[in-house]
Structure formats: C-alpha cells, structure tokens
Amino acid sequence: MTEEKIRPGWRHEEKYRIDAQDAVLIRHRIEDLLQADVHAAASGSYEIRSVYFDDLYDTCYRKNEAGSDPRAKFRIRCYNADSQRIALEKKSKKNLMTRKESCLLTYEQAKVLIEGGVLSEDAAALSKASKVLQEFCLLQRTRLFRPKVMVVYQRMPFVMTAGNVRITLDLNIAAGWRPEQLFDAHPFLKPAMEAGRHLLEVKYDALLPRSVQQALELGHLQRESFSKYYLCRREEKKIHEYLW
C-alpha cells in the first residue's frame, strides 16, 4: 500500500435507469457543459472491474435488499483490467449521501484477496496500514469477509468543477461469478440488466447547477435506489441455483 485517499465529505449520488436512446441524448446534451474525464480513452470511456466482498451471512447484500441506512460495502477495483493500479475501497451510504475511502494494494495482495485468502500482515505492518485496510482485515477475521461477485461495466464519465459534479453513463453492466478472474482478458460474464438498459449516475457536493439539471431533464427519468453489487449478486445467485 502506498497511498490512502479519503474524500473530504459526503456527496449526493442519484441513480437512474436509462435506455440506449436516453444515453445518446444525455451525452449529446452534457458534453458541451462538462468536460470528459481525463482518464477516459479516445472513445470517451473506460472499463471498470470490481470484486465485492461480503460476510458468511451476506449481510451487505441483505442490507441493500432492505434499504438499510447507514450501510457500507468493500470492493477491490481496477480499470481496463490493469494490474498496475489496484484499489481497496469502502463505499458508505448514510441519509441518502455517499462517501468513498480507498487505499492502494499491490498486485500480490489483491490476488490473495480475490482468491479468497486472508492477508498475512503482521501486527506491526498492519498498524502502519491505511484505516481502510485495517478495517477490512478485521472484517475478514471476525466476519469471514470473502469475495462474492465481480461487477464489470463500461463507464463514460463527465466532470464539472462547479459543485464538484460528476456524471457517468455506466453501460453494459455484467456479473462475473468467478472473482479470481479480475485481471483475465476474457472473464466469464453474464449481463445483469435487460438488453439496451444502462445506468445514469449523478454525483455532486452541495448543489447541482441549474444548467446541468436542465440538461438531464428528459421528462420520464425516475430516481431510484440502485446497487450494482446487489444486482450482480442476484444474477450470481441465479447462476448457482441453475448449476446446483
């Protein structure tokens, strides 16, 4: 671990299911208002892969299902299957606000975790580790946190400095029931949403600029509680029921 990142506060996070036509229209409306994320490729997007963890009783999954507040979940995330930069993240939700804390992992650490192992950090090393990793290691030992599902999708991100706005179009969300394939070129995946259905996420600090609100007004979008983890775990459970 070489870096820890804790965002200064809680942010608004709104989610909307959209279809392919909505995605094209929204992109057309906002690309003149917001800037494309500097990390996006020439196509304007990048792939996100995340392995989510849960305990023996699927507590995180059940809290999502019940809409419990507050709640939190842990994941290991990489971009474009790149093993050079891997993050352990804690995503928290409270009073409809979200917060993300993260630290970097080495490839060797990530491999141990996504294969269901426990890090063999000694007490001295762990005392110097980030708070995120310390909490995660504690959950591994006390609540048997283990990898449950991989979530994969293509993200098209746009940002605006005013209001710290971030708008993303998350396309082709899929579930992978073998988390150890996080860095594989062609992991086994199953679409987690109906064909042509995607996700719009709107994140901002205090207020969403009026110009952005107007650009996103399509007349039929309905904000909803949406969890990629819950959605993909549900698909993963269907797969296991079918296989067994």
C-alpha atoms as a PDB file:
ATOM      1  CA  MET A   1       0.000   0.000   0.000  1.00  0.00           C
ATOM      2  CA  THR A   2       1.436   3.359  -0.939  1.00  0.00           C
ATOM      3  CA  GLU A   3      -1.493   5.724  -0.819  1.00  0.00           C
ATOM      4  CA  GLU A   4      -4.731   6.306   1.053  1.00  0.00           C
ATOM      5  CA  LYS A   5      -7.497   8.556  -0.184  1.00  0.00           C
ATOM      6  CA  ILE A   6     -10.424   9.786   1.894  1.00  0.00           C
ATOM      7  CA  ARG A   7     -12.802  12.244   0.301  1.00  0.00           C
ATOM      8  CA  PRO A   8     -13.382  15.317   2.488  1.00  0.00           C
ATOM      9  CA  GLY A   9     -17.093  14.739   2.997  1.00  0.00           C
ATOM     10  CA  TRP A  10     -20.329  13.153   1.956  1.00  0.00           C
ATOM     11  CA  ARG A  11     -21.784  13.641  -1.517  1.00  0.00           C
ATOM     12  CA  HIS A  12     -25.145  13.394  -3.183  1.00  0.00           C
ATOM     13  CA  GLU A  13     -25.468  10.415  -5.502  1.00  0.00           C
ATOM     14  CA  GLU A  14     -28.512   9.993  -7.729  1.00  0.00           C
ATOM     15  CA  LYS A  15     -29.117   6.970  -9.948  1.00  0.00           C
ATOM     16  CA  TYR A  16     -31.457   6.458 -12.889  1.00  0.00           C
ATOM     17  CA  ARG A  17     -32.046   3.505 -15.208  1.00  0.00           C
ATOM     18  CA  ILE A  18     -31.909   4.635 -18.819  1.00  0.00           C
ATOM     19  CA  ASP A  19     -32.150   3.086 -22.260  1.00  0.00           C
ATOM     20  CA  ALA A  20     -29.727   3.402 -25.170  1.00  0.00           C
ATOM     21  CA  GLN A  21     -31.628   6.348 -26.665  1.00  0.00           C
ATOM     22  CA  ASP A  22     -31.533   8.198 -23.327  1.00  0.00           C
ATOM     23  CA  ALA A  23     -27.777   7.603 -23.101  1.00  0.00           C
ATOM     24  CA  VAL A  24     -27.159   9.113 -26.542  1.00  0.00           C
ATOM     25  CA  LEU A  25     -29.360  12.129 -25.793  1.00  0.00           C
ATOM     26  CA  ILE A  26     -27.809  12.786 -22.372  1.00  0.00           C
ATOM     27  CA  ARG A  27     -24.294  12.551 -23.755  1.00  0.00           C
ATOM     28  CA  HIS A  28     -25.177  14.996 -26.524  1.00  0.00           C
ATOM     29  CA  ARG A  29     -26.634  17.470 -24.003  1.00  0.00           C
ATOM     30  CA  ILE A  30     -23.865  17.408 -21.416  1.00  0.00           C
ATOM     31  CA  GLU A  31     -20.695  17.144 -23.495  1.00  0.00           C
ATOM     32  CA  ASP A  32     -20.760  20.922 -24.090  1.00  0.00           C
ATOM     33  CA  LEU A  33     -21.430  21.670 -20.396  1.00  0.00           C
ATOM     34  CA  LEU A  34     -18.997  19.263 -18.764  1.00  0.00           C
ATOM     35  CA  GLN A  35     -15.545  18.006 -19.607  1.00  0.00           C
ATOM     36  CA  ALA A  36     -14.738  14.406 -20.390  1.00  0.00           C
ATOM     37  CA  ASP A  37     -12.786  12.747 -17.589  1.00  0.00           C
ATOM     38  CA  VAL A  38      -9.056  12.935 -18.314  1.00  0.00           C
ATOM     39  CA  HIS A  39      -8.722   9.196 -17.639  1.00  0.00           C
ATOM     40  CA  ALA A  40     -11.151   8.260 -20.397  1.00  0.00           C
ATOM     41  CA  ALA A  41      -9.684   6.878 -23.610  1.00  0.00           C
ATOM     42  CA  ALA A  42     -10.194   8.341 -27.072  1.00  0.00           C
ATOM     43  CA  SER A  43     -13.582   6.604 -27.100  1.00  0.00           C
ATOM     44  CA  GLY A  44     -14.552   8.649 -24.031  1.00  0.00           C
ATOM     45  CA  SER A  45     -14.901   5.617 -21.763  1.00  0.00           C
ATOM     46  CA  TYR A  46     -13.014   3.011 -19.766  1.00  0.00           C
ATOM     47  CA  GLU A  47     -13.838  -0.374 -18.267  1.00  0.00           C
ATOM     48  CA  ILE A  48     -14.361  -0.756 -14.532  1.00  0.00           C
ATOM     49  CA  ARG A  49     -13.992  -4.088 -12.780  1.00  0.00           C
ATOM     50  CA  SER A  50     -14.820  -4.510  -9.096  1.00  0.00           C
ATOM     51  CA  VAL A  51     -14.788  -7.544  -6.820  1.00  0.00           C
ATOM     52  CA  TYR A  52     -17.218  -7.121  -3.918  1.00  0.00           C
ATOM     53  CA  PHE A  53     -16.880  -8.775  -0.517  1.00  0.00           C
ATOM     54  CA  ASP A  54     -19.483  -9.910   1.976  1.00  0.00           C
ATOM     55  CA  ASP A  55     -19.644 -11.992   5.126  1.00  0.00           C
ATOM     56  CA  LEU A  56     -20.875 -15.514   5.783  1.00  0.00           C
ATOM     57  CA  TYR A  57     -24.478 -14.311   6.133  1.00  0.00           C
ATOM     58  CA  ASP A  58     -24.490 -11.963   3.127  1.00  0.00           C
ATOM     59  CA  THR A  59     -25.089  -9.034   5.461  1.00  0.00           C
ATOM     60  CA  CYS A  60     -24.190  -6.350   2.884  1.00  0.00           C
ATOM     61  CA  TYR A  61     -26.463  -7.981   0.304  1.00  0.00           C
ATOM     62  CA  ARG A  62     -29.362  -8.195   2.742  1.00  0.00           C
ATOM     63  CA  LYS A  63     -28.904  -4.599   3.908  1.00  0.00           C
ATOM     64  CA  ASN A  64     -29.063  -3.470   0.276  1.00  0.00           C
ATOM     65  CA  GLU A  65     -32.210  -5.522  -0.218  1.00  0.00           C
ATOM     66  CA  ALA A  66     -33.817  -3.997   2.885  1.00  0.00           C
ATOM     67  CA  GLY A  67     -32.648  -0.453   2.104  1.00  0.00           C
ATOM     68  CA  SER A  68     -30.896  -0.208   5.475  1.00  0.00           C
ATOM     69  CA  ASP A  69     -29.343   3.119   6.440  1.00  0.00           C
ATOM     70  CA  PRO A  70     -26.485   3.504   7.180  1.00  0.00           C
ATOM     71  CA  ARG A  71     -24.628   0.754   5.327  1.00  0.00           C
ATOM     72  CA  ALA A  72     -21.248   0.138   3.729  1.00  0.00           C
ATOM     73  CA  LYS A  73     -19.519  -2.297   1.404  1.00  0.00           C
ATOM     74  CA  PHE A  74     -15.951  -3.134   0.408  1.00  0.00           C
ATOM     75  CA  ARG A  75     -14.566  -3.816  -3.061  1.00  0.00           C
ATOM     76  CA  ILE A  76     -11.312  -4.191  -4.951  1.00  0.00           C
ATOM     77  CA  ARG A  77     -11.328  -2.127  -8.143  1.00  0.00           C
ATOM     78  CA  CYS A  78      -9.188  -1.830 -11.249  1.00  0.00           C
ATOM     79  CA  TYR A  79      -9.559  -0.063 -14.588  1.00  0.00           C
ATOM     80  CA  ASN A  80      -9.232  -1.694 -18.006  1.00  0.00           C
ATOM     81  CA  ALA A  81      -8.029  -4.869 -16.244  1.00  0.00           C
ATOM     82  CA  ASP A  82      -4.784  -3.038 -15.425  1.00  0.00           C
ATOM     83  CA  SER A  83      -2.917  -4.653 -12.528  1.00  0.00           C
ATOM     84  CA  GLN A  84      -0.588  -1.657 -12.085  1.00  0.00           C
ATOM     85  CA  ARG A  85      -3.105   0.361 -10.064  1.00  0.00           C
ATOM     86  CA  ILE A  86      -5.469  -1.553  -7.798  1.00  0.00           C
ATOM     87  CA  ALA A  87      -7.580  -0.001  -5.046  1.00  0.00           C
ATOM     88  CA  LEU A  88      -9.360  -1.353  -2.000  1.00  0.00           C
ATOM     89  CA  GLU A  89     -12.427   0.843  -1.493  1.00  0.00           C
ATOM     90  CA  LYS A  90     -15.024   1.311   1.219  1.00  0.00           C
ATOM     91  CA  LYS A  91     -18.279   2.802  -0.080  1.00  0.00           C
ATOM     92  CA  SER A  92     -20.552   4.142   2.677  1.00  0.00           C
ATOM     93  CA  LYS A  93     -24.133   5.375   2.461  1.00  0.00           C
ATOM     94  CA  LYS A  94     -25.929   7.458   5.074  1.00  0.00           C
ATOM     95  CA  ASN A  95     -29.003   9.689   4.835  1.00  0.00           C
ATOM     96  CA  LEU A  96     -29.012   9.389   1.019  1.00  0.00           C
ATOM     97  CA  MET A  97     -25.400  10.634   0.917  1.00  0.00           C
ATOM     98  CA  THR A  98     -22.329   8.608  -0.040  1.00  0.00           C
ATOM     99  CA  ARG A  99     -18.656   8.621   0.829  1.00  0.00           C
ATOM    100  CA  LYS A 100     -15.725   6.675  -0.588  1.00  0.00           C
ATOM    101  CA  GLU A 101     -12.447   5.855   1.148  1.00  0.00           C
ATOM    102  CA  SER A 102      -9.677   3.931  -0.566  1.00  0.00           C
ATOM    103  CA  CYS A 103      -6.095   2.729  -0.437  1.00  0.00           C
ATOM    104  CA  LEU A 104      -3.818   1.132  -2.998  1.00  0.00           C
ATOM    105  CA  LEU A 105      -2.993  -2.576  -2.977  1.00  0.00           C
ATOM    106  CA  THR A 106      -0.117  -4.410  -4.547  1.00  0.00           C
ATOM    107  CA  TYR A 107      -0.923  -6.983  -7.207  1.00  0.00           C
ATOM    108  CA  GLU A 108       0.178  -9.750  -4.825  1.00  0.00           C
ATOM    109  CA  GLN A 109      -2.170  -8.511  -2.084  1.00  0.00           C
ATOM    110  CA  ALA A 110      -5.081  -8.215  -4.499  1.00  0.00           C
ATOM    111  CA  LYS A 111      -4.506 -11.748  -5.827  1.00  0.00           C
ATOM    112  CA  VAL A 112      -4.618 -13.188  -2.317  1.00  0.00           C
ATOM    113  CA  LEU A 113      -7.888 -11.399  -1.543  1.00  0.00           C
ATOM    114  CA  ILE A 114      -9.773 -12.108  -4.781  1.00  0.00           C
ATOM    115  CA  GLU A 115      -8.833 -15.789  -4.481  1.00  0.00           C
ATOM    116  CA  GLY A 116     -10.468 -15.903  -1.055  1.00  0.00           C
ATOM    117  CA  GLY A 117      -7.333 -15.715   1.050  1.00  0.00           C
ATOM    118  CA  VAL A 118      -6.505 -13.590   4.085  1.00  0.00           C
ATOM    119  CA  LEU A 119      -3.570 -11.182   4.096  1.00  0.00           C
ATOM    120  CA  SER A 120      -0.765 -12.371   6.335  1.00  0.00           C
ATOM    121  CA  GLU A 121       0.120  -8.892   7.540  1.00  0.00           C
ATOM    122  CA  ASP A 122       1.790  -8.943  10.960  1.00  0.00           C
ATOM    123  CA  ALA A 123       0.630  -6.620  13.703  1.00  0.00           C
ATOM    124  CA  ALA A 124       3.426  -4.121  13.100  1.00  0.00           C
ATOM    125  CA  ALA A 125       2.751  -3.883   9.364  1.00  0.00           C
ATOM    126  CA  LEU A 126      -0.985  -3.636   9.856  1.00  0.00           C
ATOM    127  CA  SER A 127      -0.597  -0.837  12.402  1.00  0.00           C
ATOM    128  CA  LYS A 128       1.060   1.228   9.649  1.00  0.00           C
ATOM    129  CA  ALA A 129      -1.530   0.335   7.014  1.00  0.00           C
ATOM    130  CA  SER A 130      -4.408   2.561   5.984  1.00  0.00           C
ATOM    131  CA  LYS A 131      -7.568   2.637   8.104  1.00  0.00           C
ATOM    132  CA  VAL A 132      -9.484   1.138   5.190  1.00  0.00           C
ATOM    133  CA  LEU A 133      -7.200  -1.889   5.044  1.00  0.00           C
ATOM    134  CA  GLN A 134      -7.155  -2.243   8.820  1.00  0.00           C
ATOM    135  CA  GLU A 135     -10.964  -2.343   8.941  1.00  0.00           C
ATOM    136  CA  PHE A 136     -11.137  -4.758   6.026  1.00  0.00           C
ATOM    137  CA  CYS A 137      -8.639  -7.164   7.604  1.00  0.00           C
ATOM    138  CA  LEU A 138     -10.629  -7.070  10.841  1.00  0.00           C
ATOM    139  CA  LEU A 139     -13.812  -7.955   8.955  1.00  0.00           C
ATOM    140  CA  GLN A 140     -12.002 -10.814   7.246  1.00  0.00           C
ATOM    141  CA  ARG A 141     -11.099 -12.313  10.601  1.00  0.00           C
ATOM    142  CA  THR A 142     -14.236 -11.532  12.616  1.00  0.00           C
ATOM    143  CA  ARG A 143     -16.996 -11.790   9.995  1.00  0.00           C
ATOM    144  CA  LEU A 144     -15.278 -14.004   7.413  1.00  0.00           C
ATOM    145  CA  PHE A 145     -15.420 -11.428   4.616  1.00  0.00           C
ATOM    146  CA  ARG A 146     -14.755 -13.163   1.306  1.00  0.00           C
ATOM    147  CA  PRO A 147     -15.092 -12.277  -2.417  1.00  0.00           C
ATOM    148  CA  LYS A 148     -18.637 -12.806  -3.688  1.00  0.00           C
ATOM    149  CA  VAL A 149     -19.043 -11.408  -7.196  1.00  0.00           C
ATOM    150  CA  MET A 150     -17.300  -9.364  -9.877  1.00  0.00           C
ATOM    151  CA  VAL A 151     -19.062  -6.371 -11.423  1.00  0.00           C
ATOM    152  CA  VAL A 152     -17.927  -5.183 -14.861  1.00  0.00           C
ATOM    153  CA  TYR A 153     -19.148  -2.260 -16.972  1.00  0.00           C
ATOM    154  CA  GLN A 154     -18.064   0.449 -19.373  1.00  0.00           C
ATOM    155  CA  ARG A 155     -18.083   3.959 -17.859  1.00  0.00           C
ATOM    156  CA  MET A 156     -18.419   7.192 -19.810  1.00  0.00           C
ATOM    157  CA  PRO A 157     -17.554   9.977 -17.310  1.00  0.00           C
ATOM    158  CA  PHE A 158     -18.042  13.761 -17.410  1.00  0.00           C
ATOM    159  CA  VAL A 159     -16.949  16.294 -14.773  1.00  0.00           C
ATOM    160  CA  MET A 160     -17.590  19.918 -13.802  1.00  0.00           C
ATOM    161  CA  THR A 161     -15.553  21.869 -11.264  1.00  0.00           C
ATOM    162  CA  ALA A 162     -18.536  23.926 -10.069  1.00  0.00           C
ATOM    163  CA  GLY A 163     -20.279  21.832  -7.439  1.00  0.00           C
ATOM    164  CA  ASN A 164     -17.721  19.041  -7.918  1.00  0.00           C
ATOM    165  CA  VAL A 165     -20.171  17.432 -10.335  1.00  0.00           C
ATOM    166  CA  ARG A 166     -19.515  14.013 -11.845  1.00  0.00           C
ATOM    167  CA  ILE A 167     -21.942  12.441 -14.298  1.00  0.00           C
ATOM    168  CA  THR A 168     -21.373   8.933 -15.545  1.00  0.00           C
ATOM    169  CA  LEU A 169     -23.092   6.710 -18.070  1.00  0.00           C
ATOM    170  CA  ASP A 170     -22.472   3.130 -16.939  1.00  0.00           C
ATOM    171  CA  LEU A 171     -23.054   0.832 -19.885  1.00  0.00           C
ATOM    172  CA  ASN A 172     -23.436  -2.933 -20.274  1.00  0.00           C
ATOM    173  CA  ILE A 173     -23.320  -3.863 -16.579  1.00  0.00           C
ATOM    174  CA  ALA A 174     -22.386  -7.534 -16.194  1.00  0.00           C
ATOM    175  CA  ALA A 175     -21.836 -10.012 -13.359  1.00  0.00           C
ATOM    176  CA  GLY A 176     -18.890 -12.358 -13.066  1.00  0.00           C
ATOM    177  CA  TRP A 177     -19.265 -15.301 -10.713  1.00  0.00           C
ATOM    178  CA  ARG A 178     -15.512 -16.024 -10.597  1.00  0.00           C
ATOM    179  CA  PRO A 179     -13.887 -13.044  -8.794  1.00  0.00           C
ATOM    180  CA  GLU A 180     -10.428 -14.550  -9.280  1.00  0.00           C
ATOM    181  CA  GLN A 181     -10.759 -13.613 -12.973  1.00  0.00           C
ATOM    182  CA  LEU A 182     -10.496  -9.894 -12.139  1.00  0.00           C
ATOM    183  CA  PHE A 183      -7.424  -9.411 -14.335  1.00  0.00           C
ATOM    184  CA  ASP A 184      -8.242 -12.004 -17.018  1.00  0.00           C
ATOM    185  CA  ALA A 185      -8.540 -10.846 -20.612  1.00  0.00           C
ATOM    186  CA  HIS A 186     -11.869 -12.622 -21.092  1.00  0.00           C
ATOM    187  CA  PRO A 187     -13.628 -13.366 -17.781  1.00  0.00           C
ATOM    188  CA  PHE A 188     -16.908 -15.287 -17.694  1.00  0.00           C
ATOM    189  CA  LEU A 189     -19.651 -12.648 -17.546  1.00  0.00           C
ATOM    190  CA  LYS A 190     -23.444 -12.515 -17.636  1.00  0.00           C
ATOM    191  CA  PRO A 191     -25.428  -9.333 -18.432  1.00  0.00           C
ATOM    192  CA  ALA A 192     -27.077  -8.046 -15.254  1.00  0.00           C
ATOM    193  CA  MET A 193     -29.651  -5.772 -16.932  1.00  0.00           C
ATOM    194  CA  GLU A 194     -32.038  -6.138 -19.831  1.00  0.00           C
ATOM    195  CA  ALA A 195     -30.541  -5.585 -23.290  1.00  0.00           C
ATOM    196  CA  GLY A 196     -30.229  -1.884 -24.064  1.00  0.00           C
ATOM    197  CA  ARG A 197     -30.640  -0.802 -20.427  1.00  0.00           C
ATOM    198  CA  HIS A 198     -27.919   1.199 -18.682  1.00  0.00           C
ATOM    199  CA  LEU A 199     -27.364   3.397 -15.615  1.00  0.00           C
ATOM    200  CA  LEU A 200     -27.000   7.161 -15.214  1.00  0.00           C
ATOM    201  CA  GLU A 201     -25.239   8.361 -12.052  1.00  0.00           C
ATOM    202  CA  VAL A 202     -25.212  11.996 -10.937  1.00  0.00           C
ATOM    203  CA  LYS A 203     -22.823  12.951  -8.126  1.00  0.00           C
ATOM    204  CA  TYR A 204     -22.259  16.377  -6.587  1.00  0.00           C
ATOM    205  CA  ASP A 205     -21.386  18.058  -3.295  1.00  0.00           C
ATOM    206  CA  ALA A 206     -23.997  20.603  -2.174  1.00  0.00           C
ATOM    207  CA  LEU A 207     -25.993  21.783  -5.181  1.00  0.00           C
ATOM    208  CA  LEU A 208     -26.370  20.579  -8.748  1.00  0.00           C
ATOM    209  CA  PRO A 209     -26.023  23.565 -11.143  1.00  0.00           C
ATOM    210  CA  ARG A 210     -29.287  24.508 -12.811  1.00  0.00           C
ATOM    211  CA  SER A 211     -27.785  24.141 -16.279  1.00  0.00           C
ATOM    212  CA  VAL A 212     -26.937  20.503 -15.546  1.00  0.00           C
ATOM    213  CA  GLN A 213     -30.383  19.851 -14.092  1.00  0.00           C
ATOM    214  CA  GLN A 214     -31.971  21.140 -17.280  1.00  0.00           C
ATOM    215  CA  ALA A 215     -29.677  19.071 -19.492  1.00  0.00           C
ATOM    216  CA  LEU A 216     -30.670  15.911 -17.627  1.00  0.00           C
ATOM    217  CA  GLU A 217     -34.400  16.628 -17.696  1.00  0.00           C
ATOM    218  CA  LEU A 218     -35.898  14.088 -20.091  1.00  0.00           C
ATOM    219  CA  GLY A 219     -39.386  14.070 -18.608  1.00  0.00           C
ATOM    220  CA  HIS A 220     -39.503  10.395 -17.692  1.00  0.00           C
ATOM    221  CA  LEU A 221     -36.442   9.568 -15.582  1.00  0.00           C
ATOM    222  CA  GLN A 222     -37.201   8.166 -12.140  1.00  0.00           C
ATOM    223  CA  ARG A 223     -34.596   8.318  -9.399  1.00  0.00           C
ATOM    224  CA  GLU A 224     -34.210   5.001  -7.602  1.00  0.00           C
ATOM    225  CA  SER A 225     -32.092   3.152  -5.098  1.00  0.00           C
ATOM    226  CA  PHE A 226     -29.747   1.097  -7.236  1.00  0.00           C
ATOM    227  CA  SER A 227     -26.825  -1.102  -6.256  1.00  0.00           C
ATOM    228  CA  LYS A 228     -24.629  -2.758  -8.872  1.00  0.00           C
ATOM    229  CA  TYR A 229     -23.447  -5.130  -6.174  1.00  0.00           C
ATOM    230  CA  TYR A 230     -26.972  -6.213  -5.265  1.00  0.00           C
ATOM    231  CA  LEU A 231     -27.981  -6.510  -8.918  1.00  0.00           C
ATOM    232  CA  CYS A 232     -24.987  -8.668  -9.829  1.00  0.00           C
ATOM    233  CA  ARG A 233     -25.199 -10.804  -6.686  1.00  0.00           C
ATOM    234  CA  ARG A 234     -28.789 -11.560  -7.602  1.00  0.00           C
ATOM    235  CA  GLU A 235     -27.630 -12.737 -11.026  1.00  0.00           C
ATOM    236  CA  GLU A 236     -24.786 -14.713  -9.446  1.00  0.00           C
ATOM    237  CA  LYS A 237     -27.264 -16.446  -7.130  1.00  0.00           C
ATOM    238  CA  LYS A 238     -29.418 -17.390 -10.134  1.00  0.00           C
ATOM    239  CA  ILE A 239     -26.360 -18.934 -11.782  1.00  0.00           C
ATOM    240  CA  HIS A 240     -25.552 -21.014  -8.693  1.00  0.00           C
ATOM    241  CA  GLU A 241     -29.157 -22.167  -8.402  1.00  0.00           C
ATOM    242  CA  TYR A 242     -29.052 -23.256 -12.049  1.00  0.00           C
ATOM    243  CA  LEU A 243     -25.708 -25.065 -11.722  1.00  0.00           C
ATOM    244  CA  TRP A 244     -26.550 -26.819  -8.492  1.00  0.00           C
END
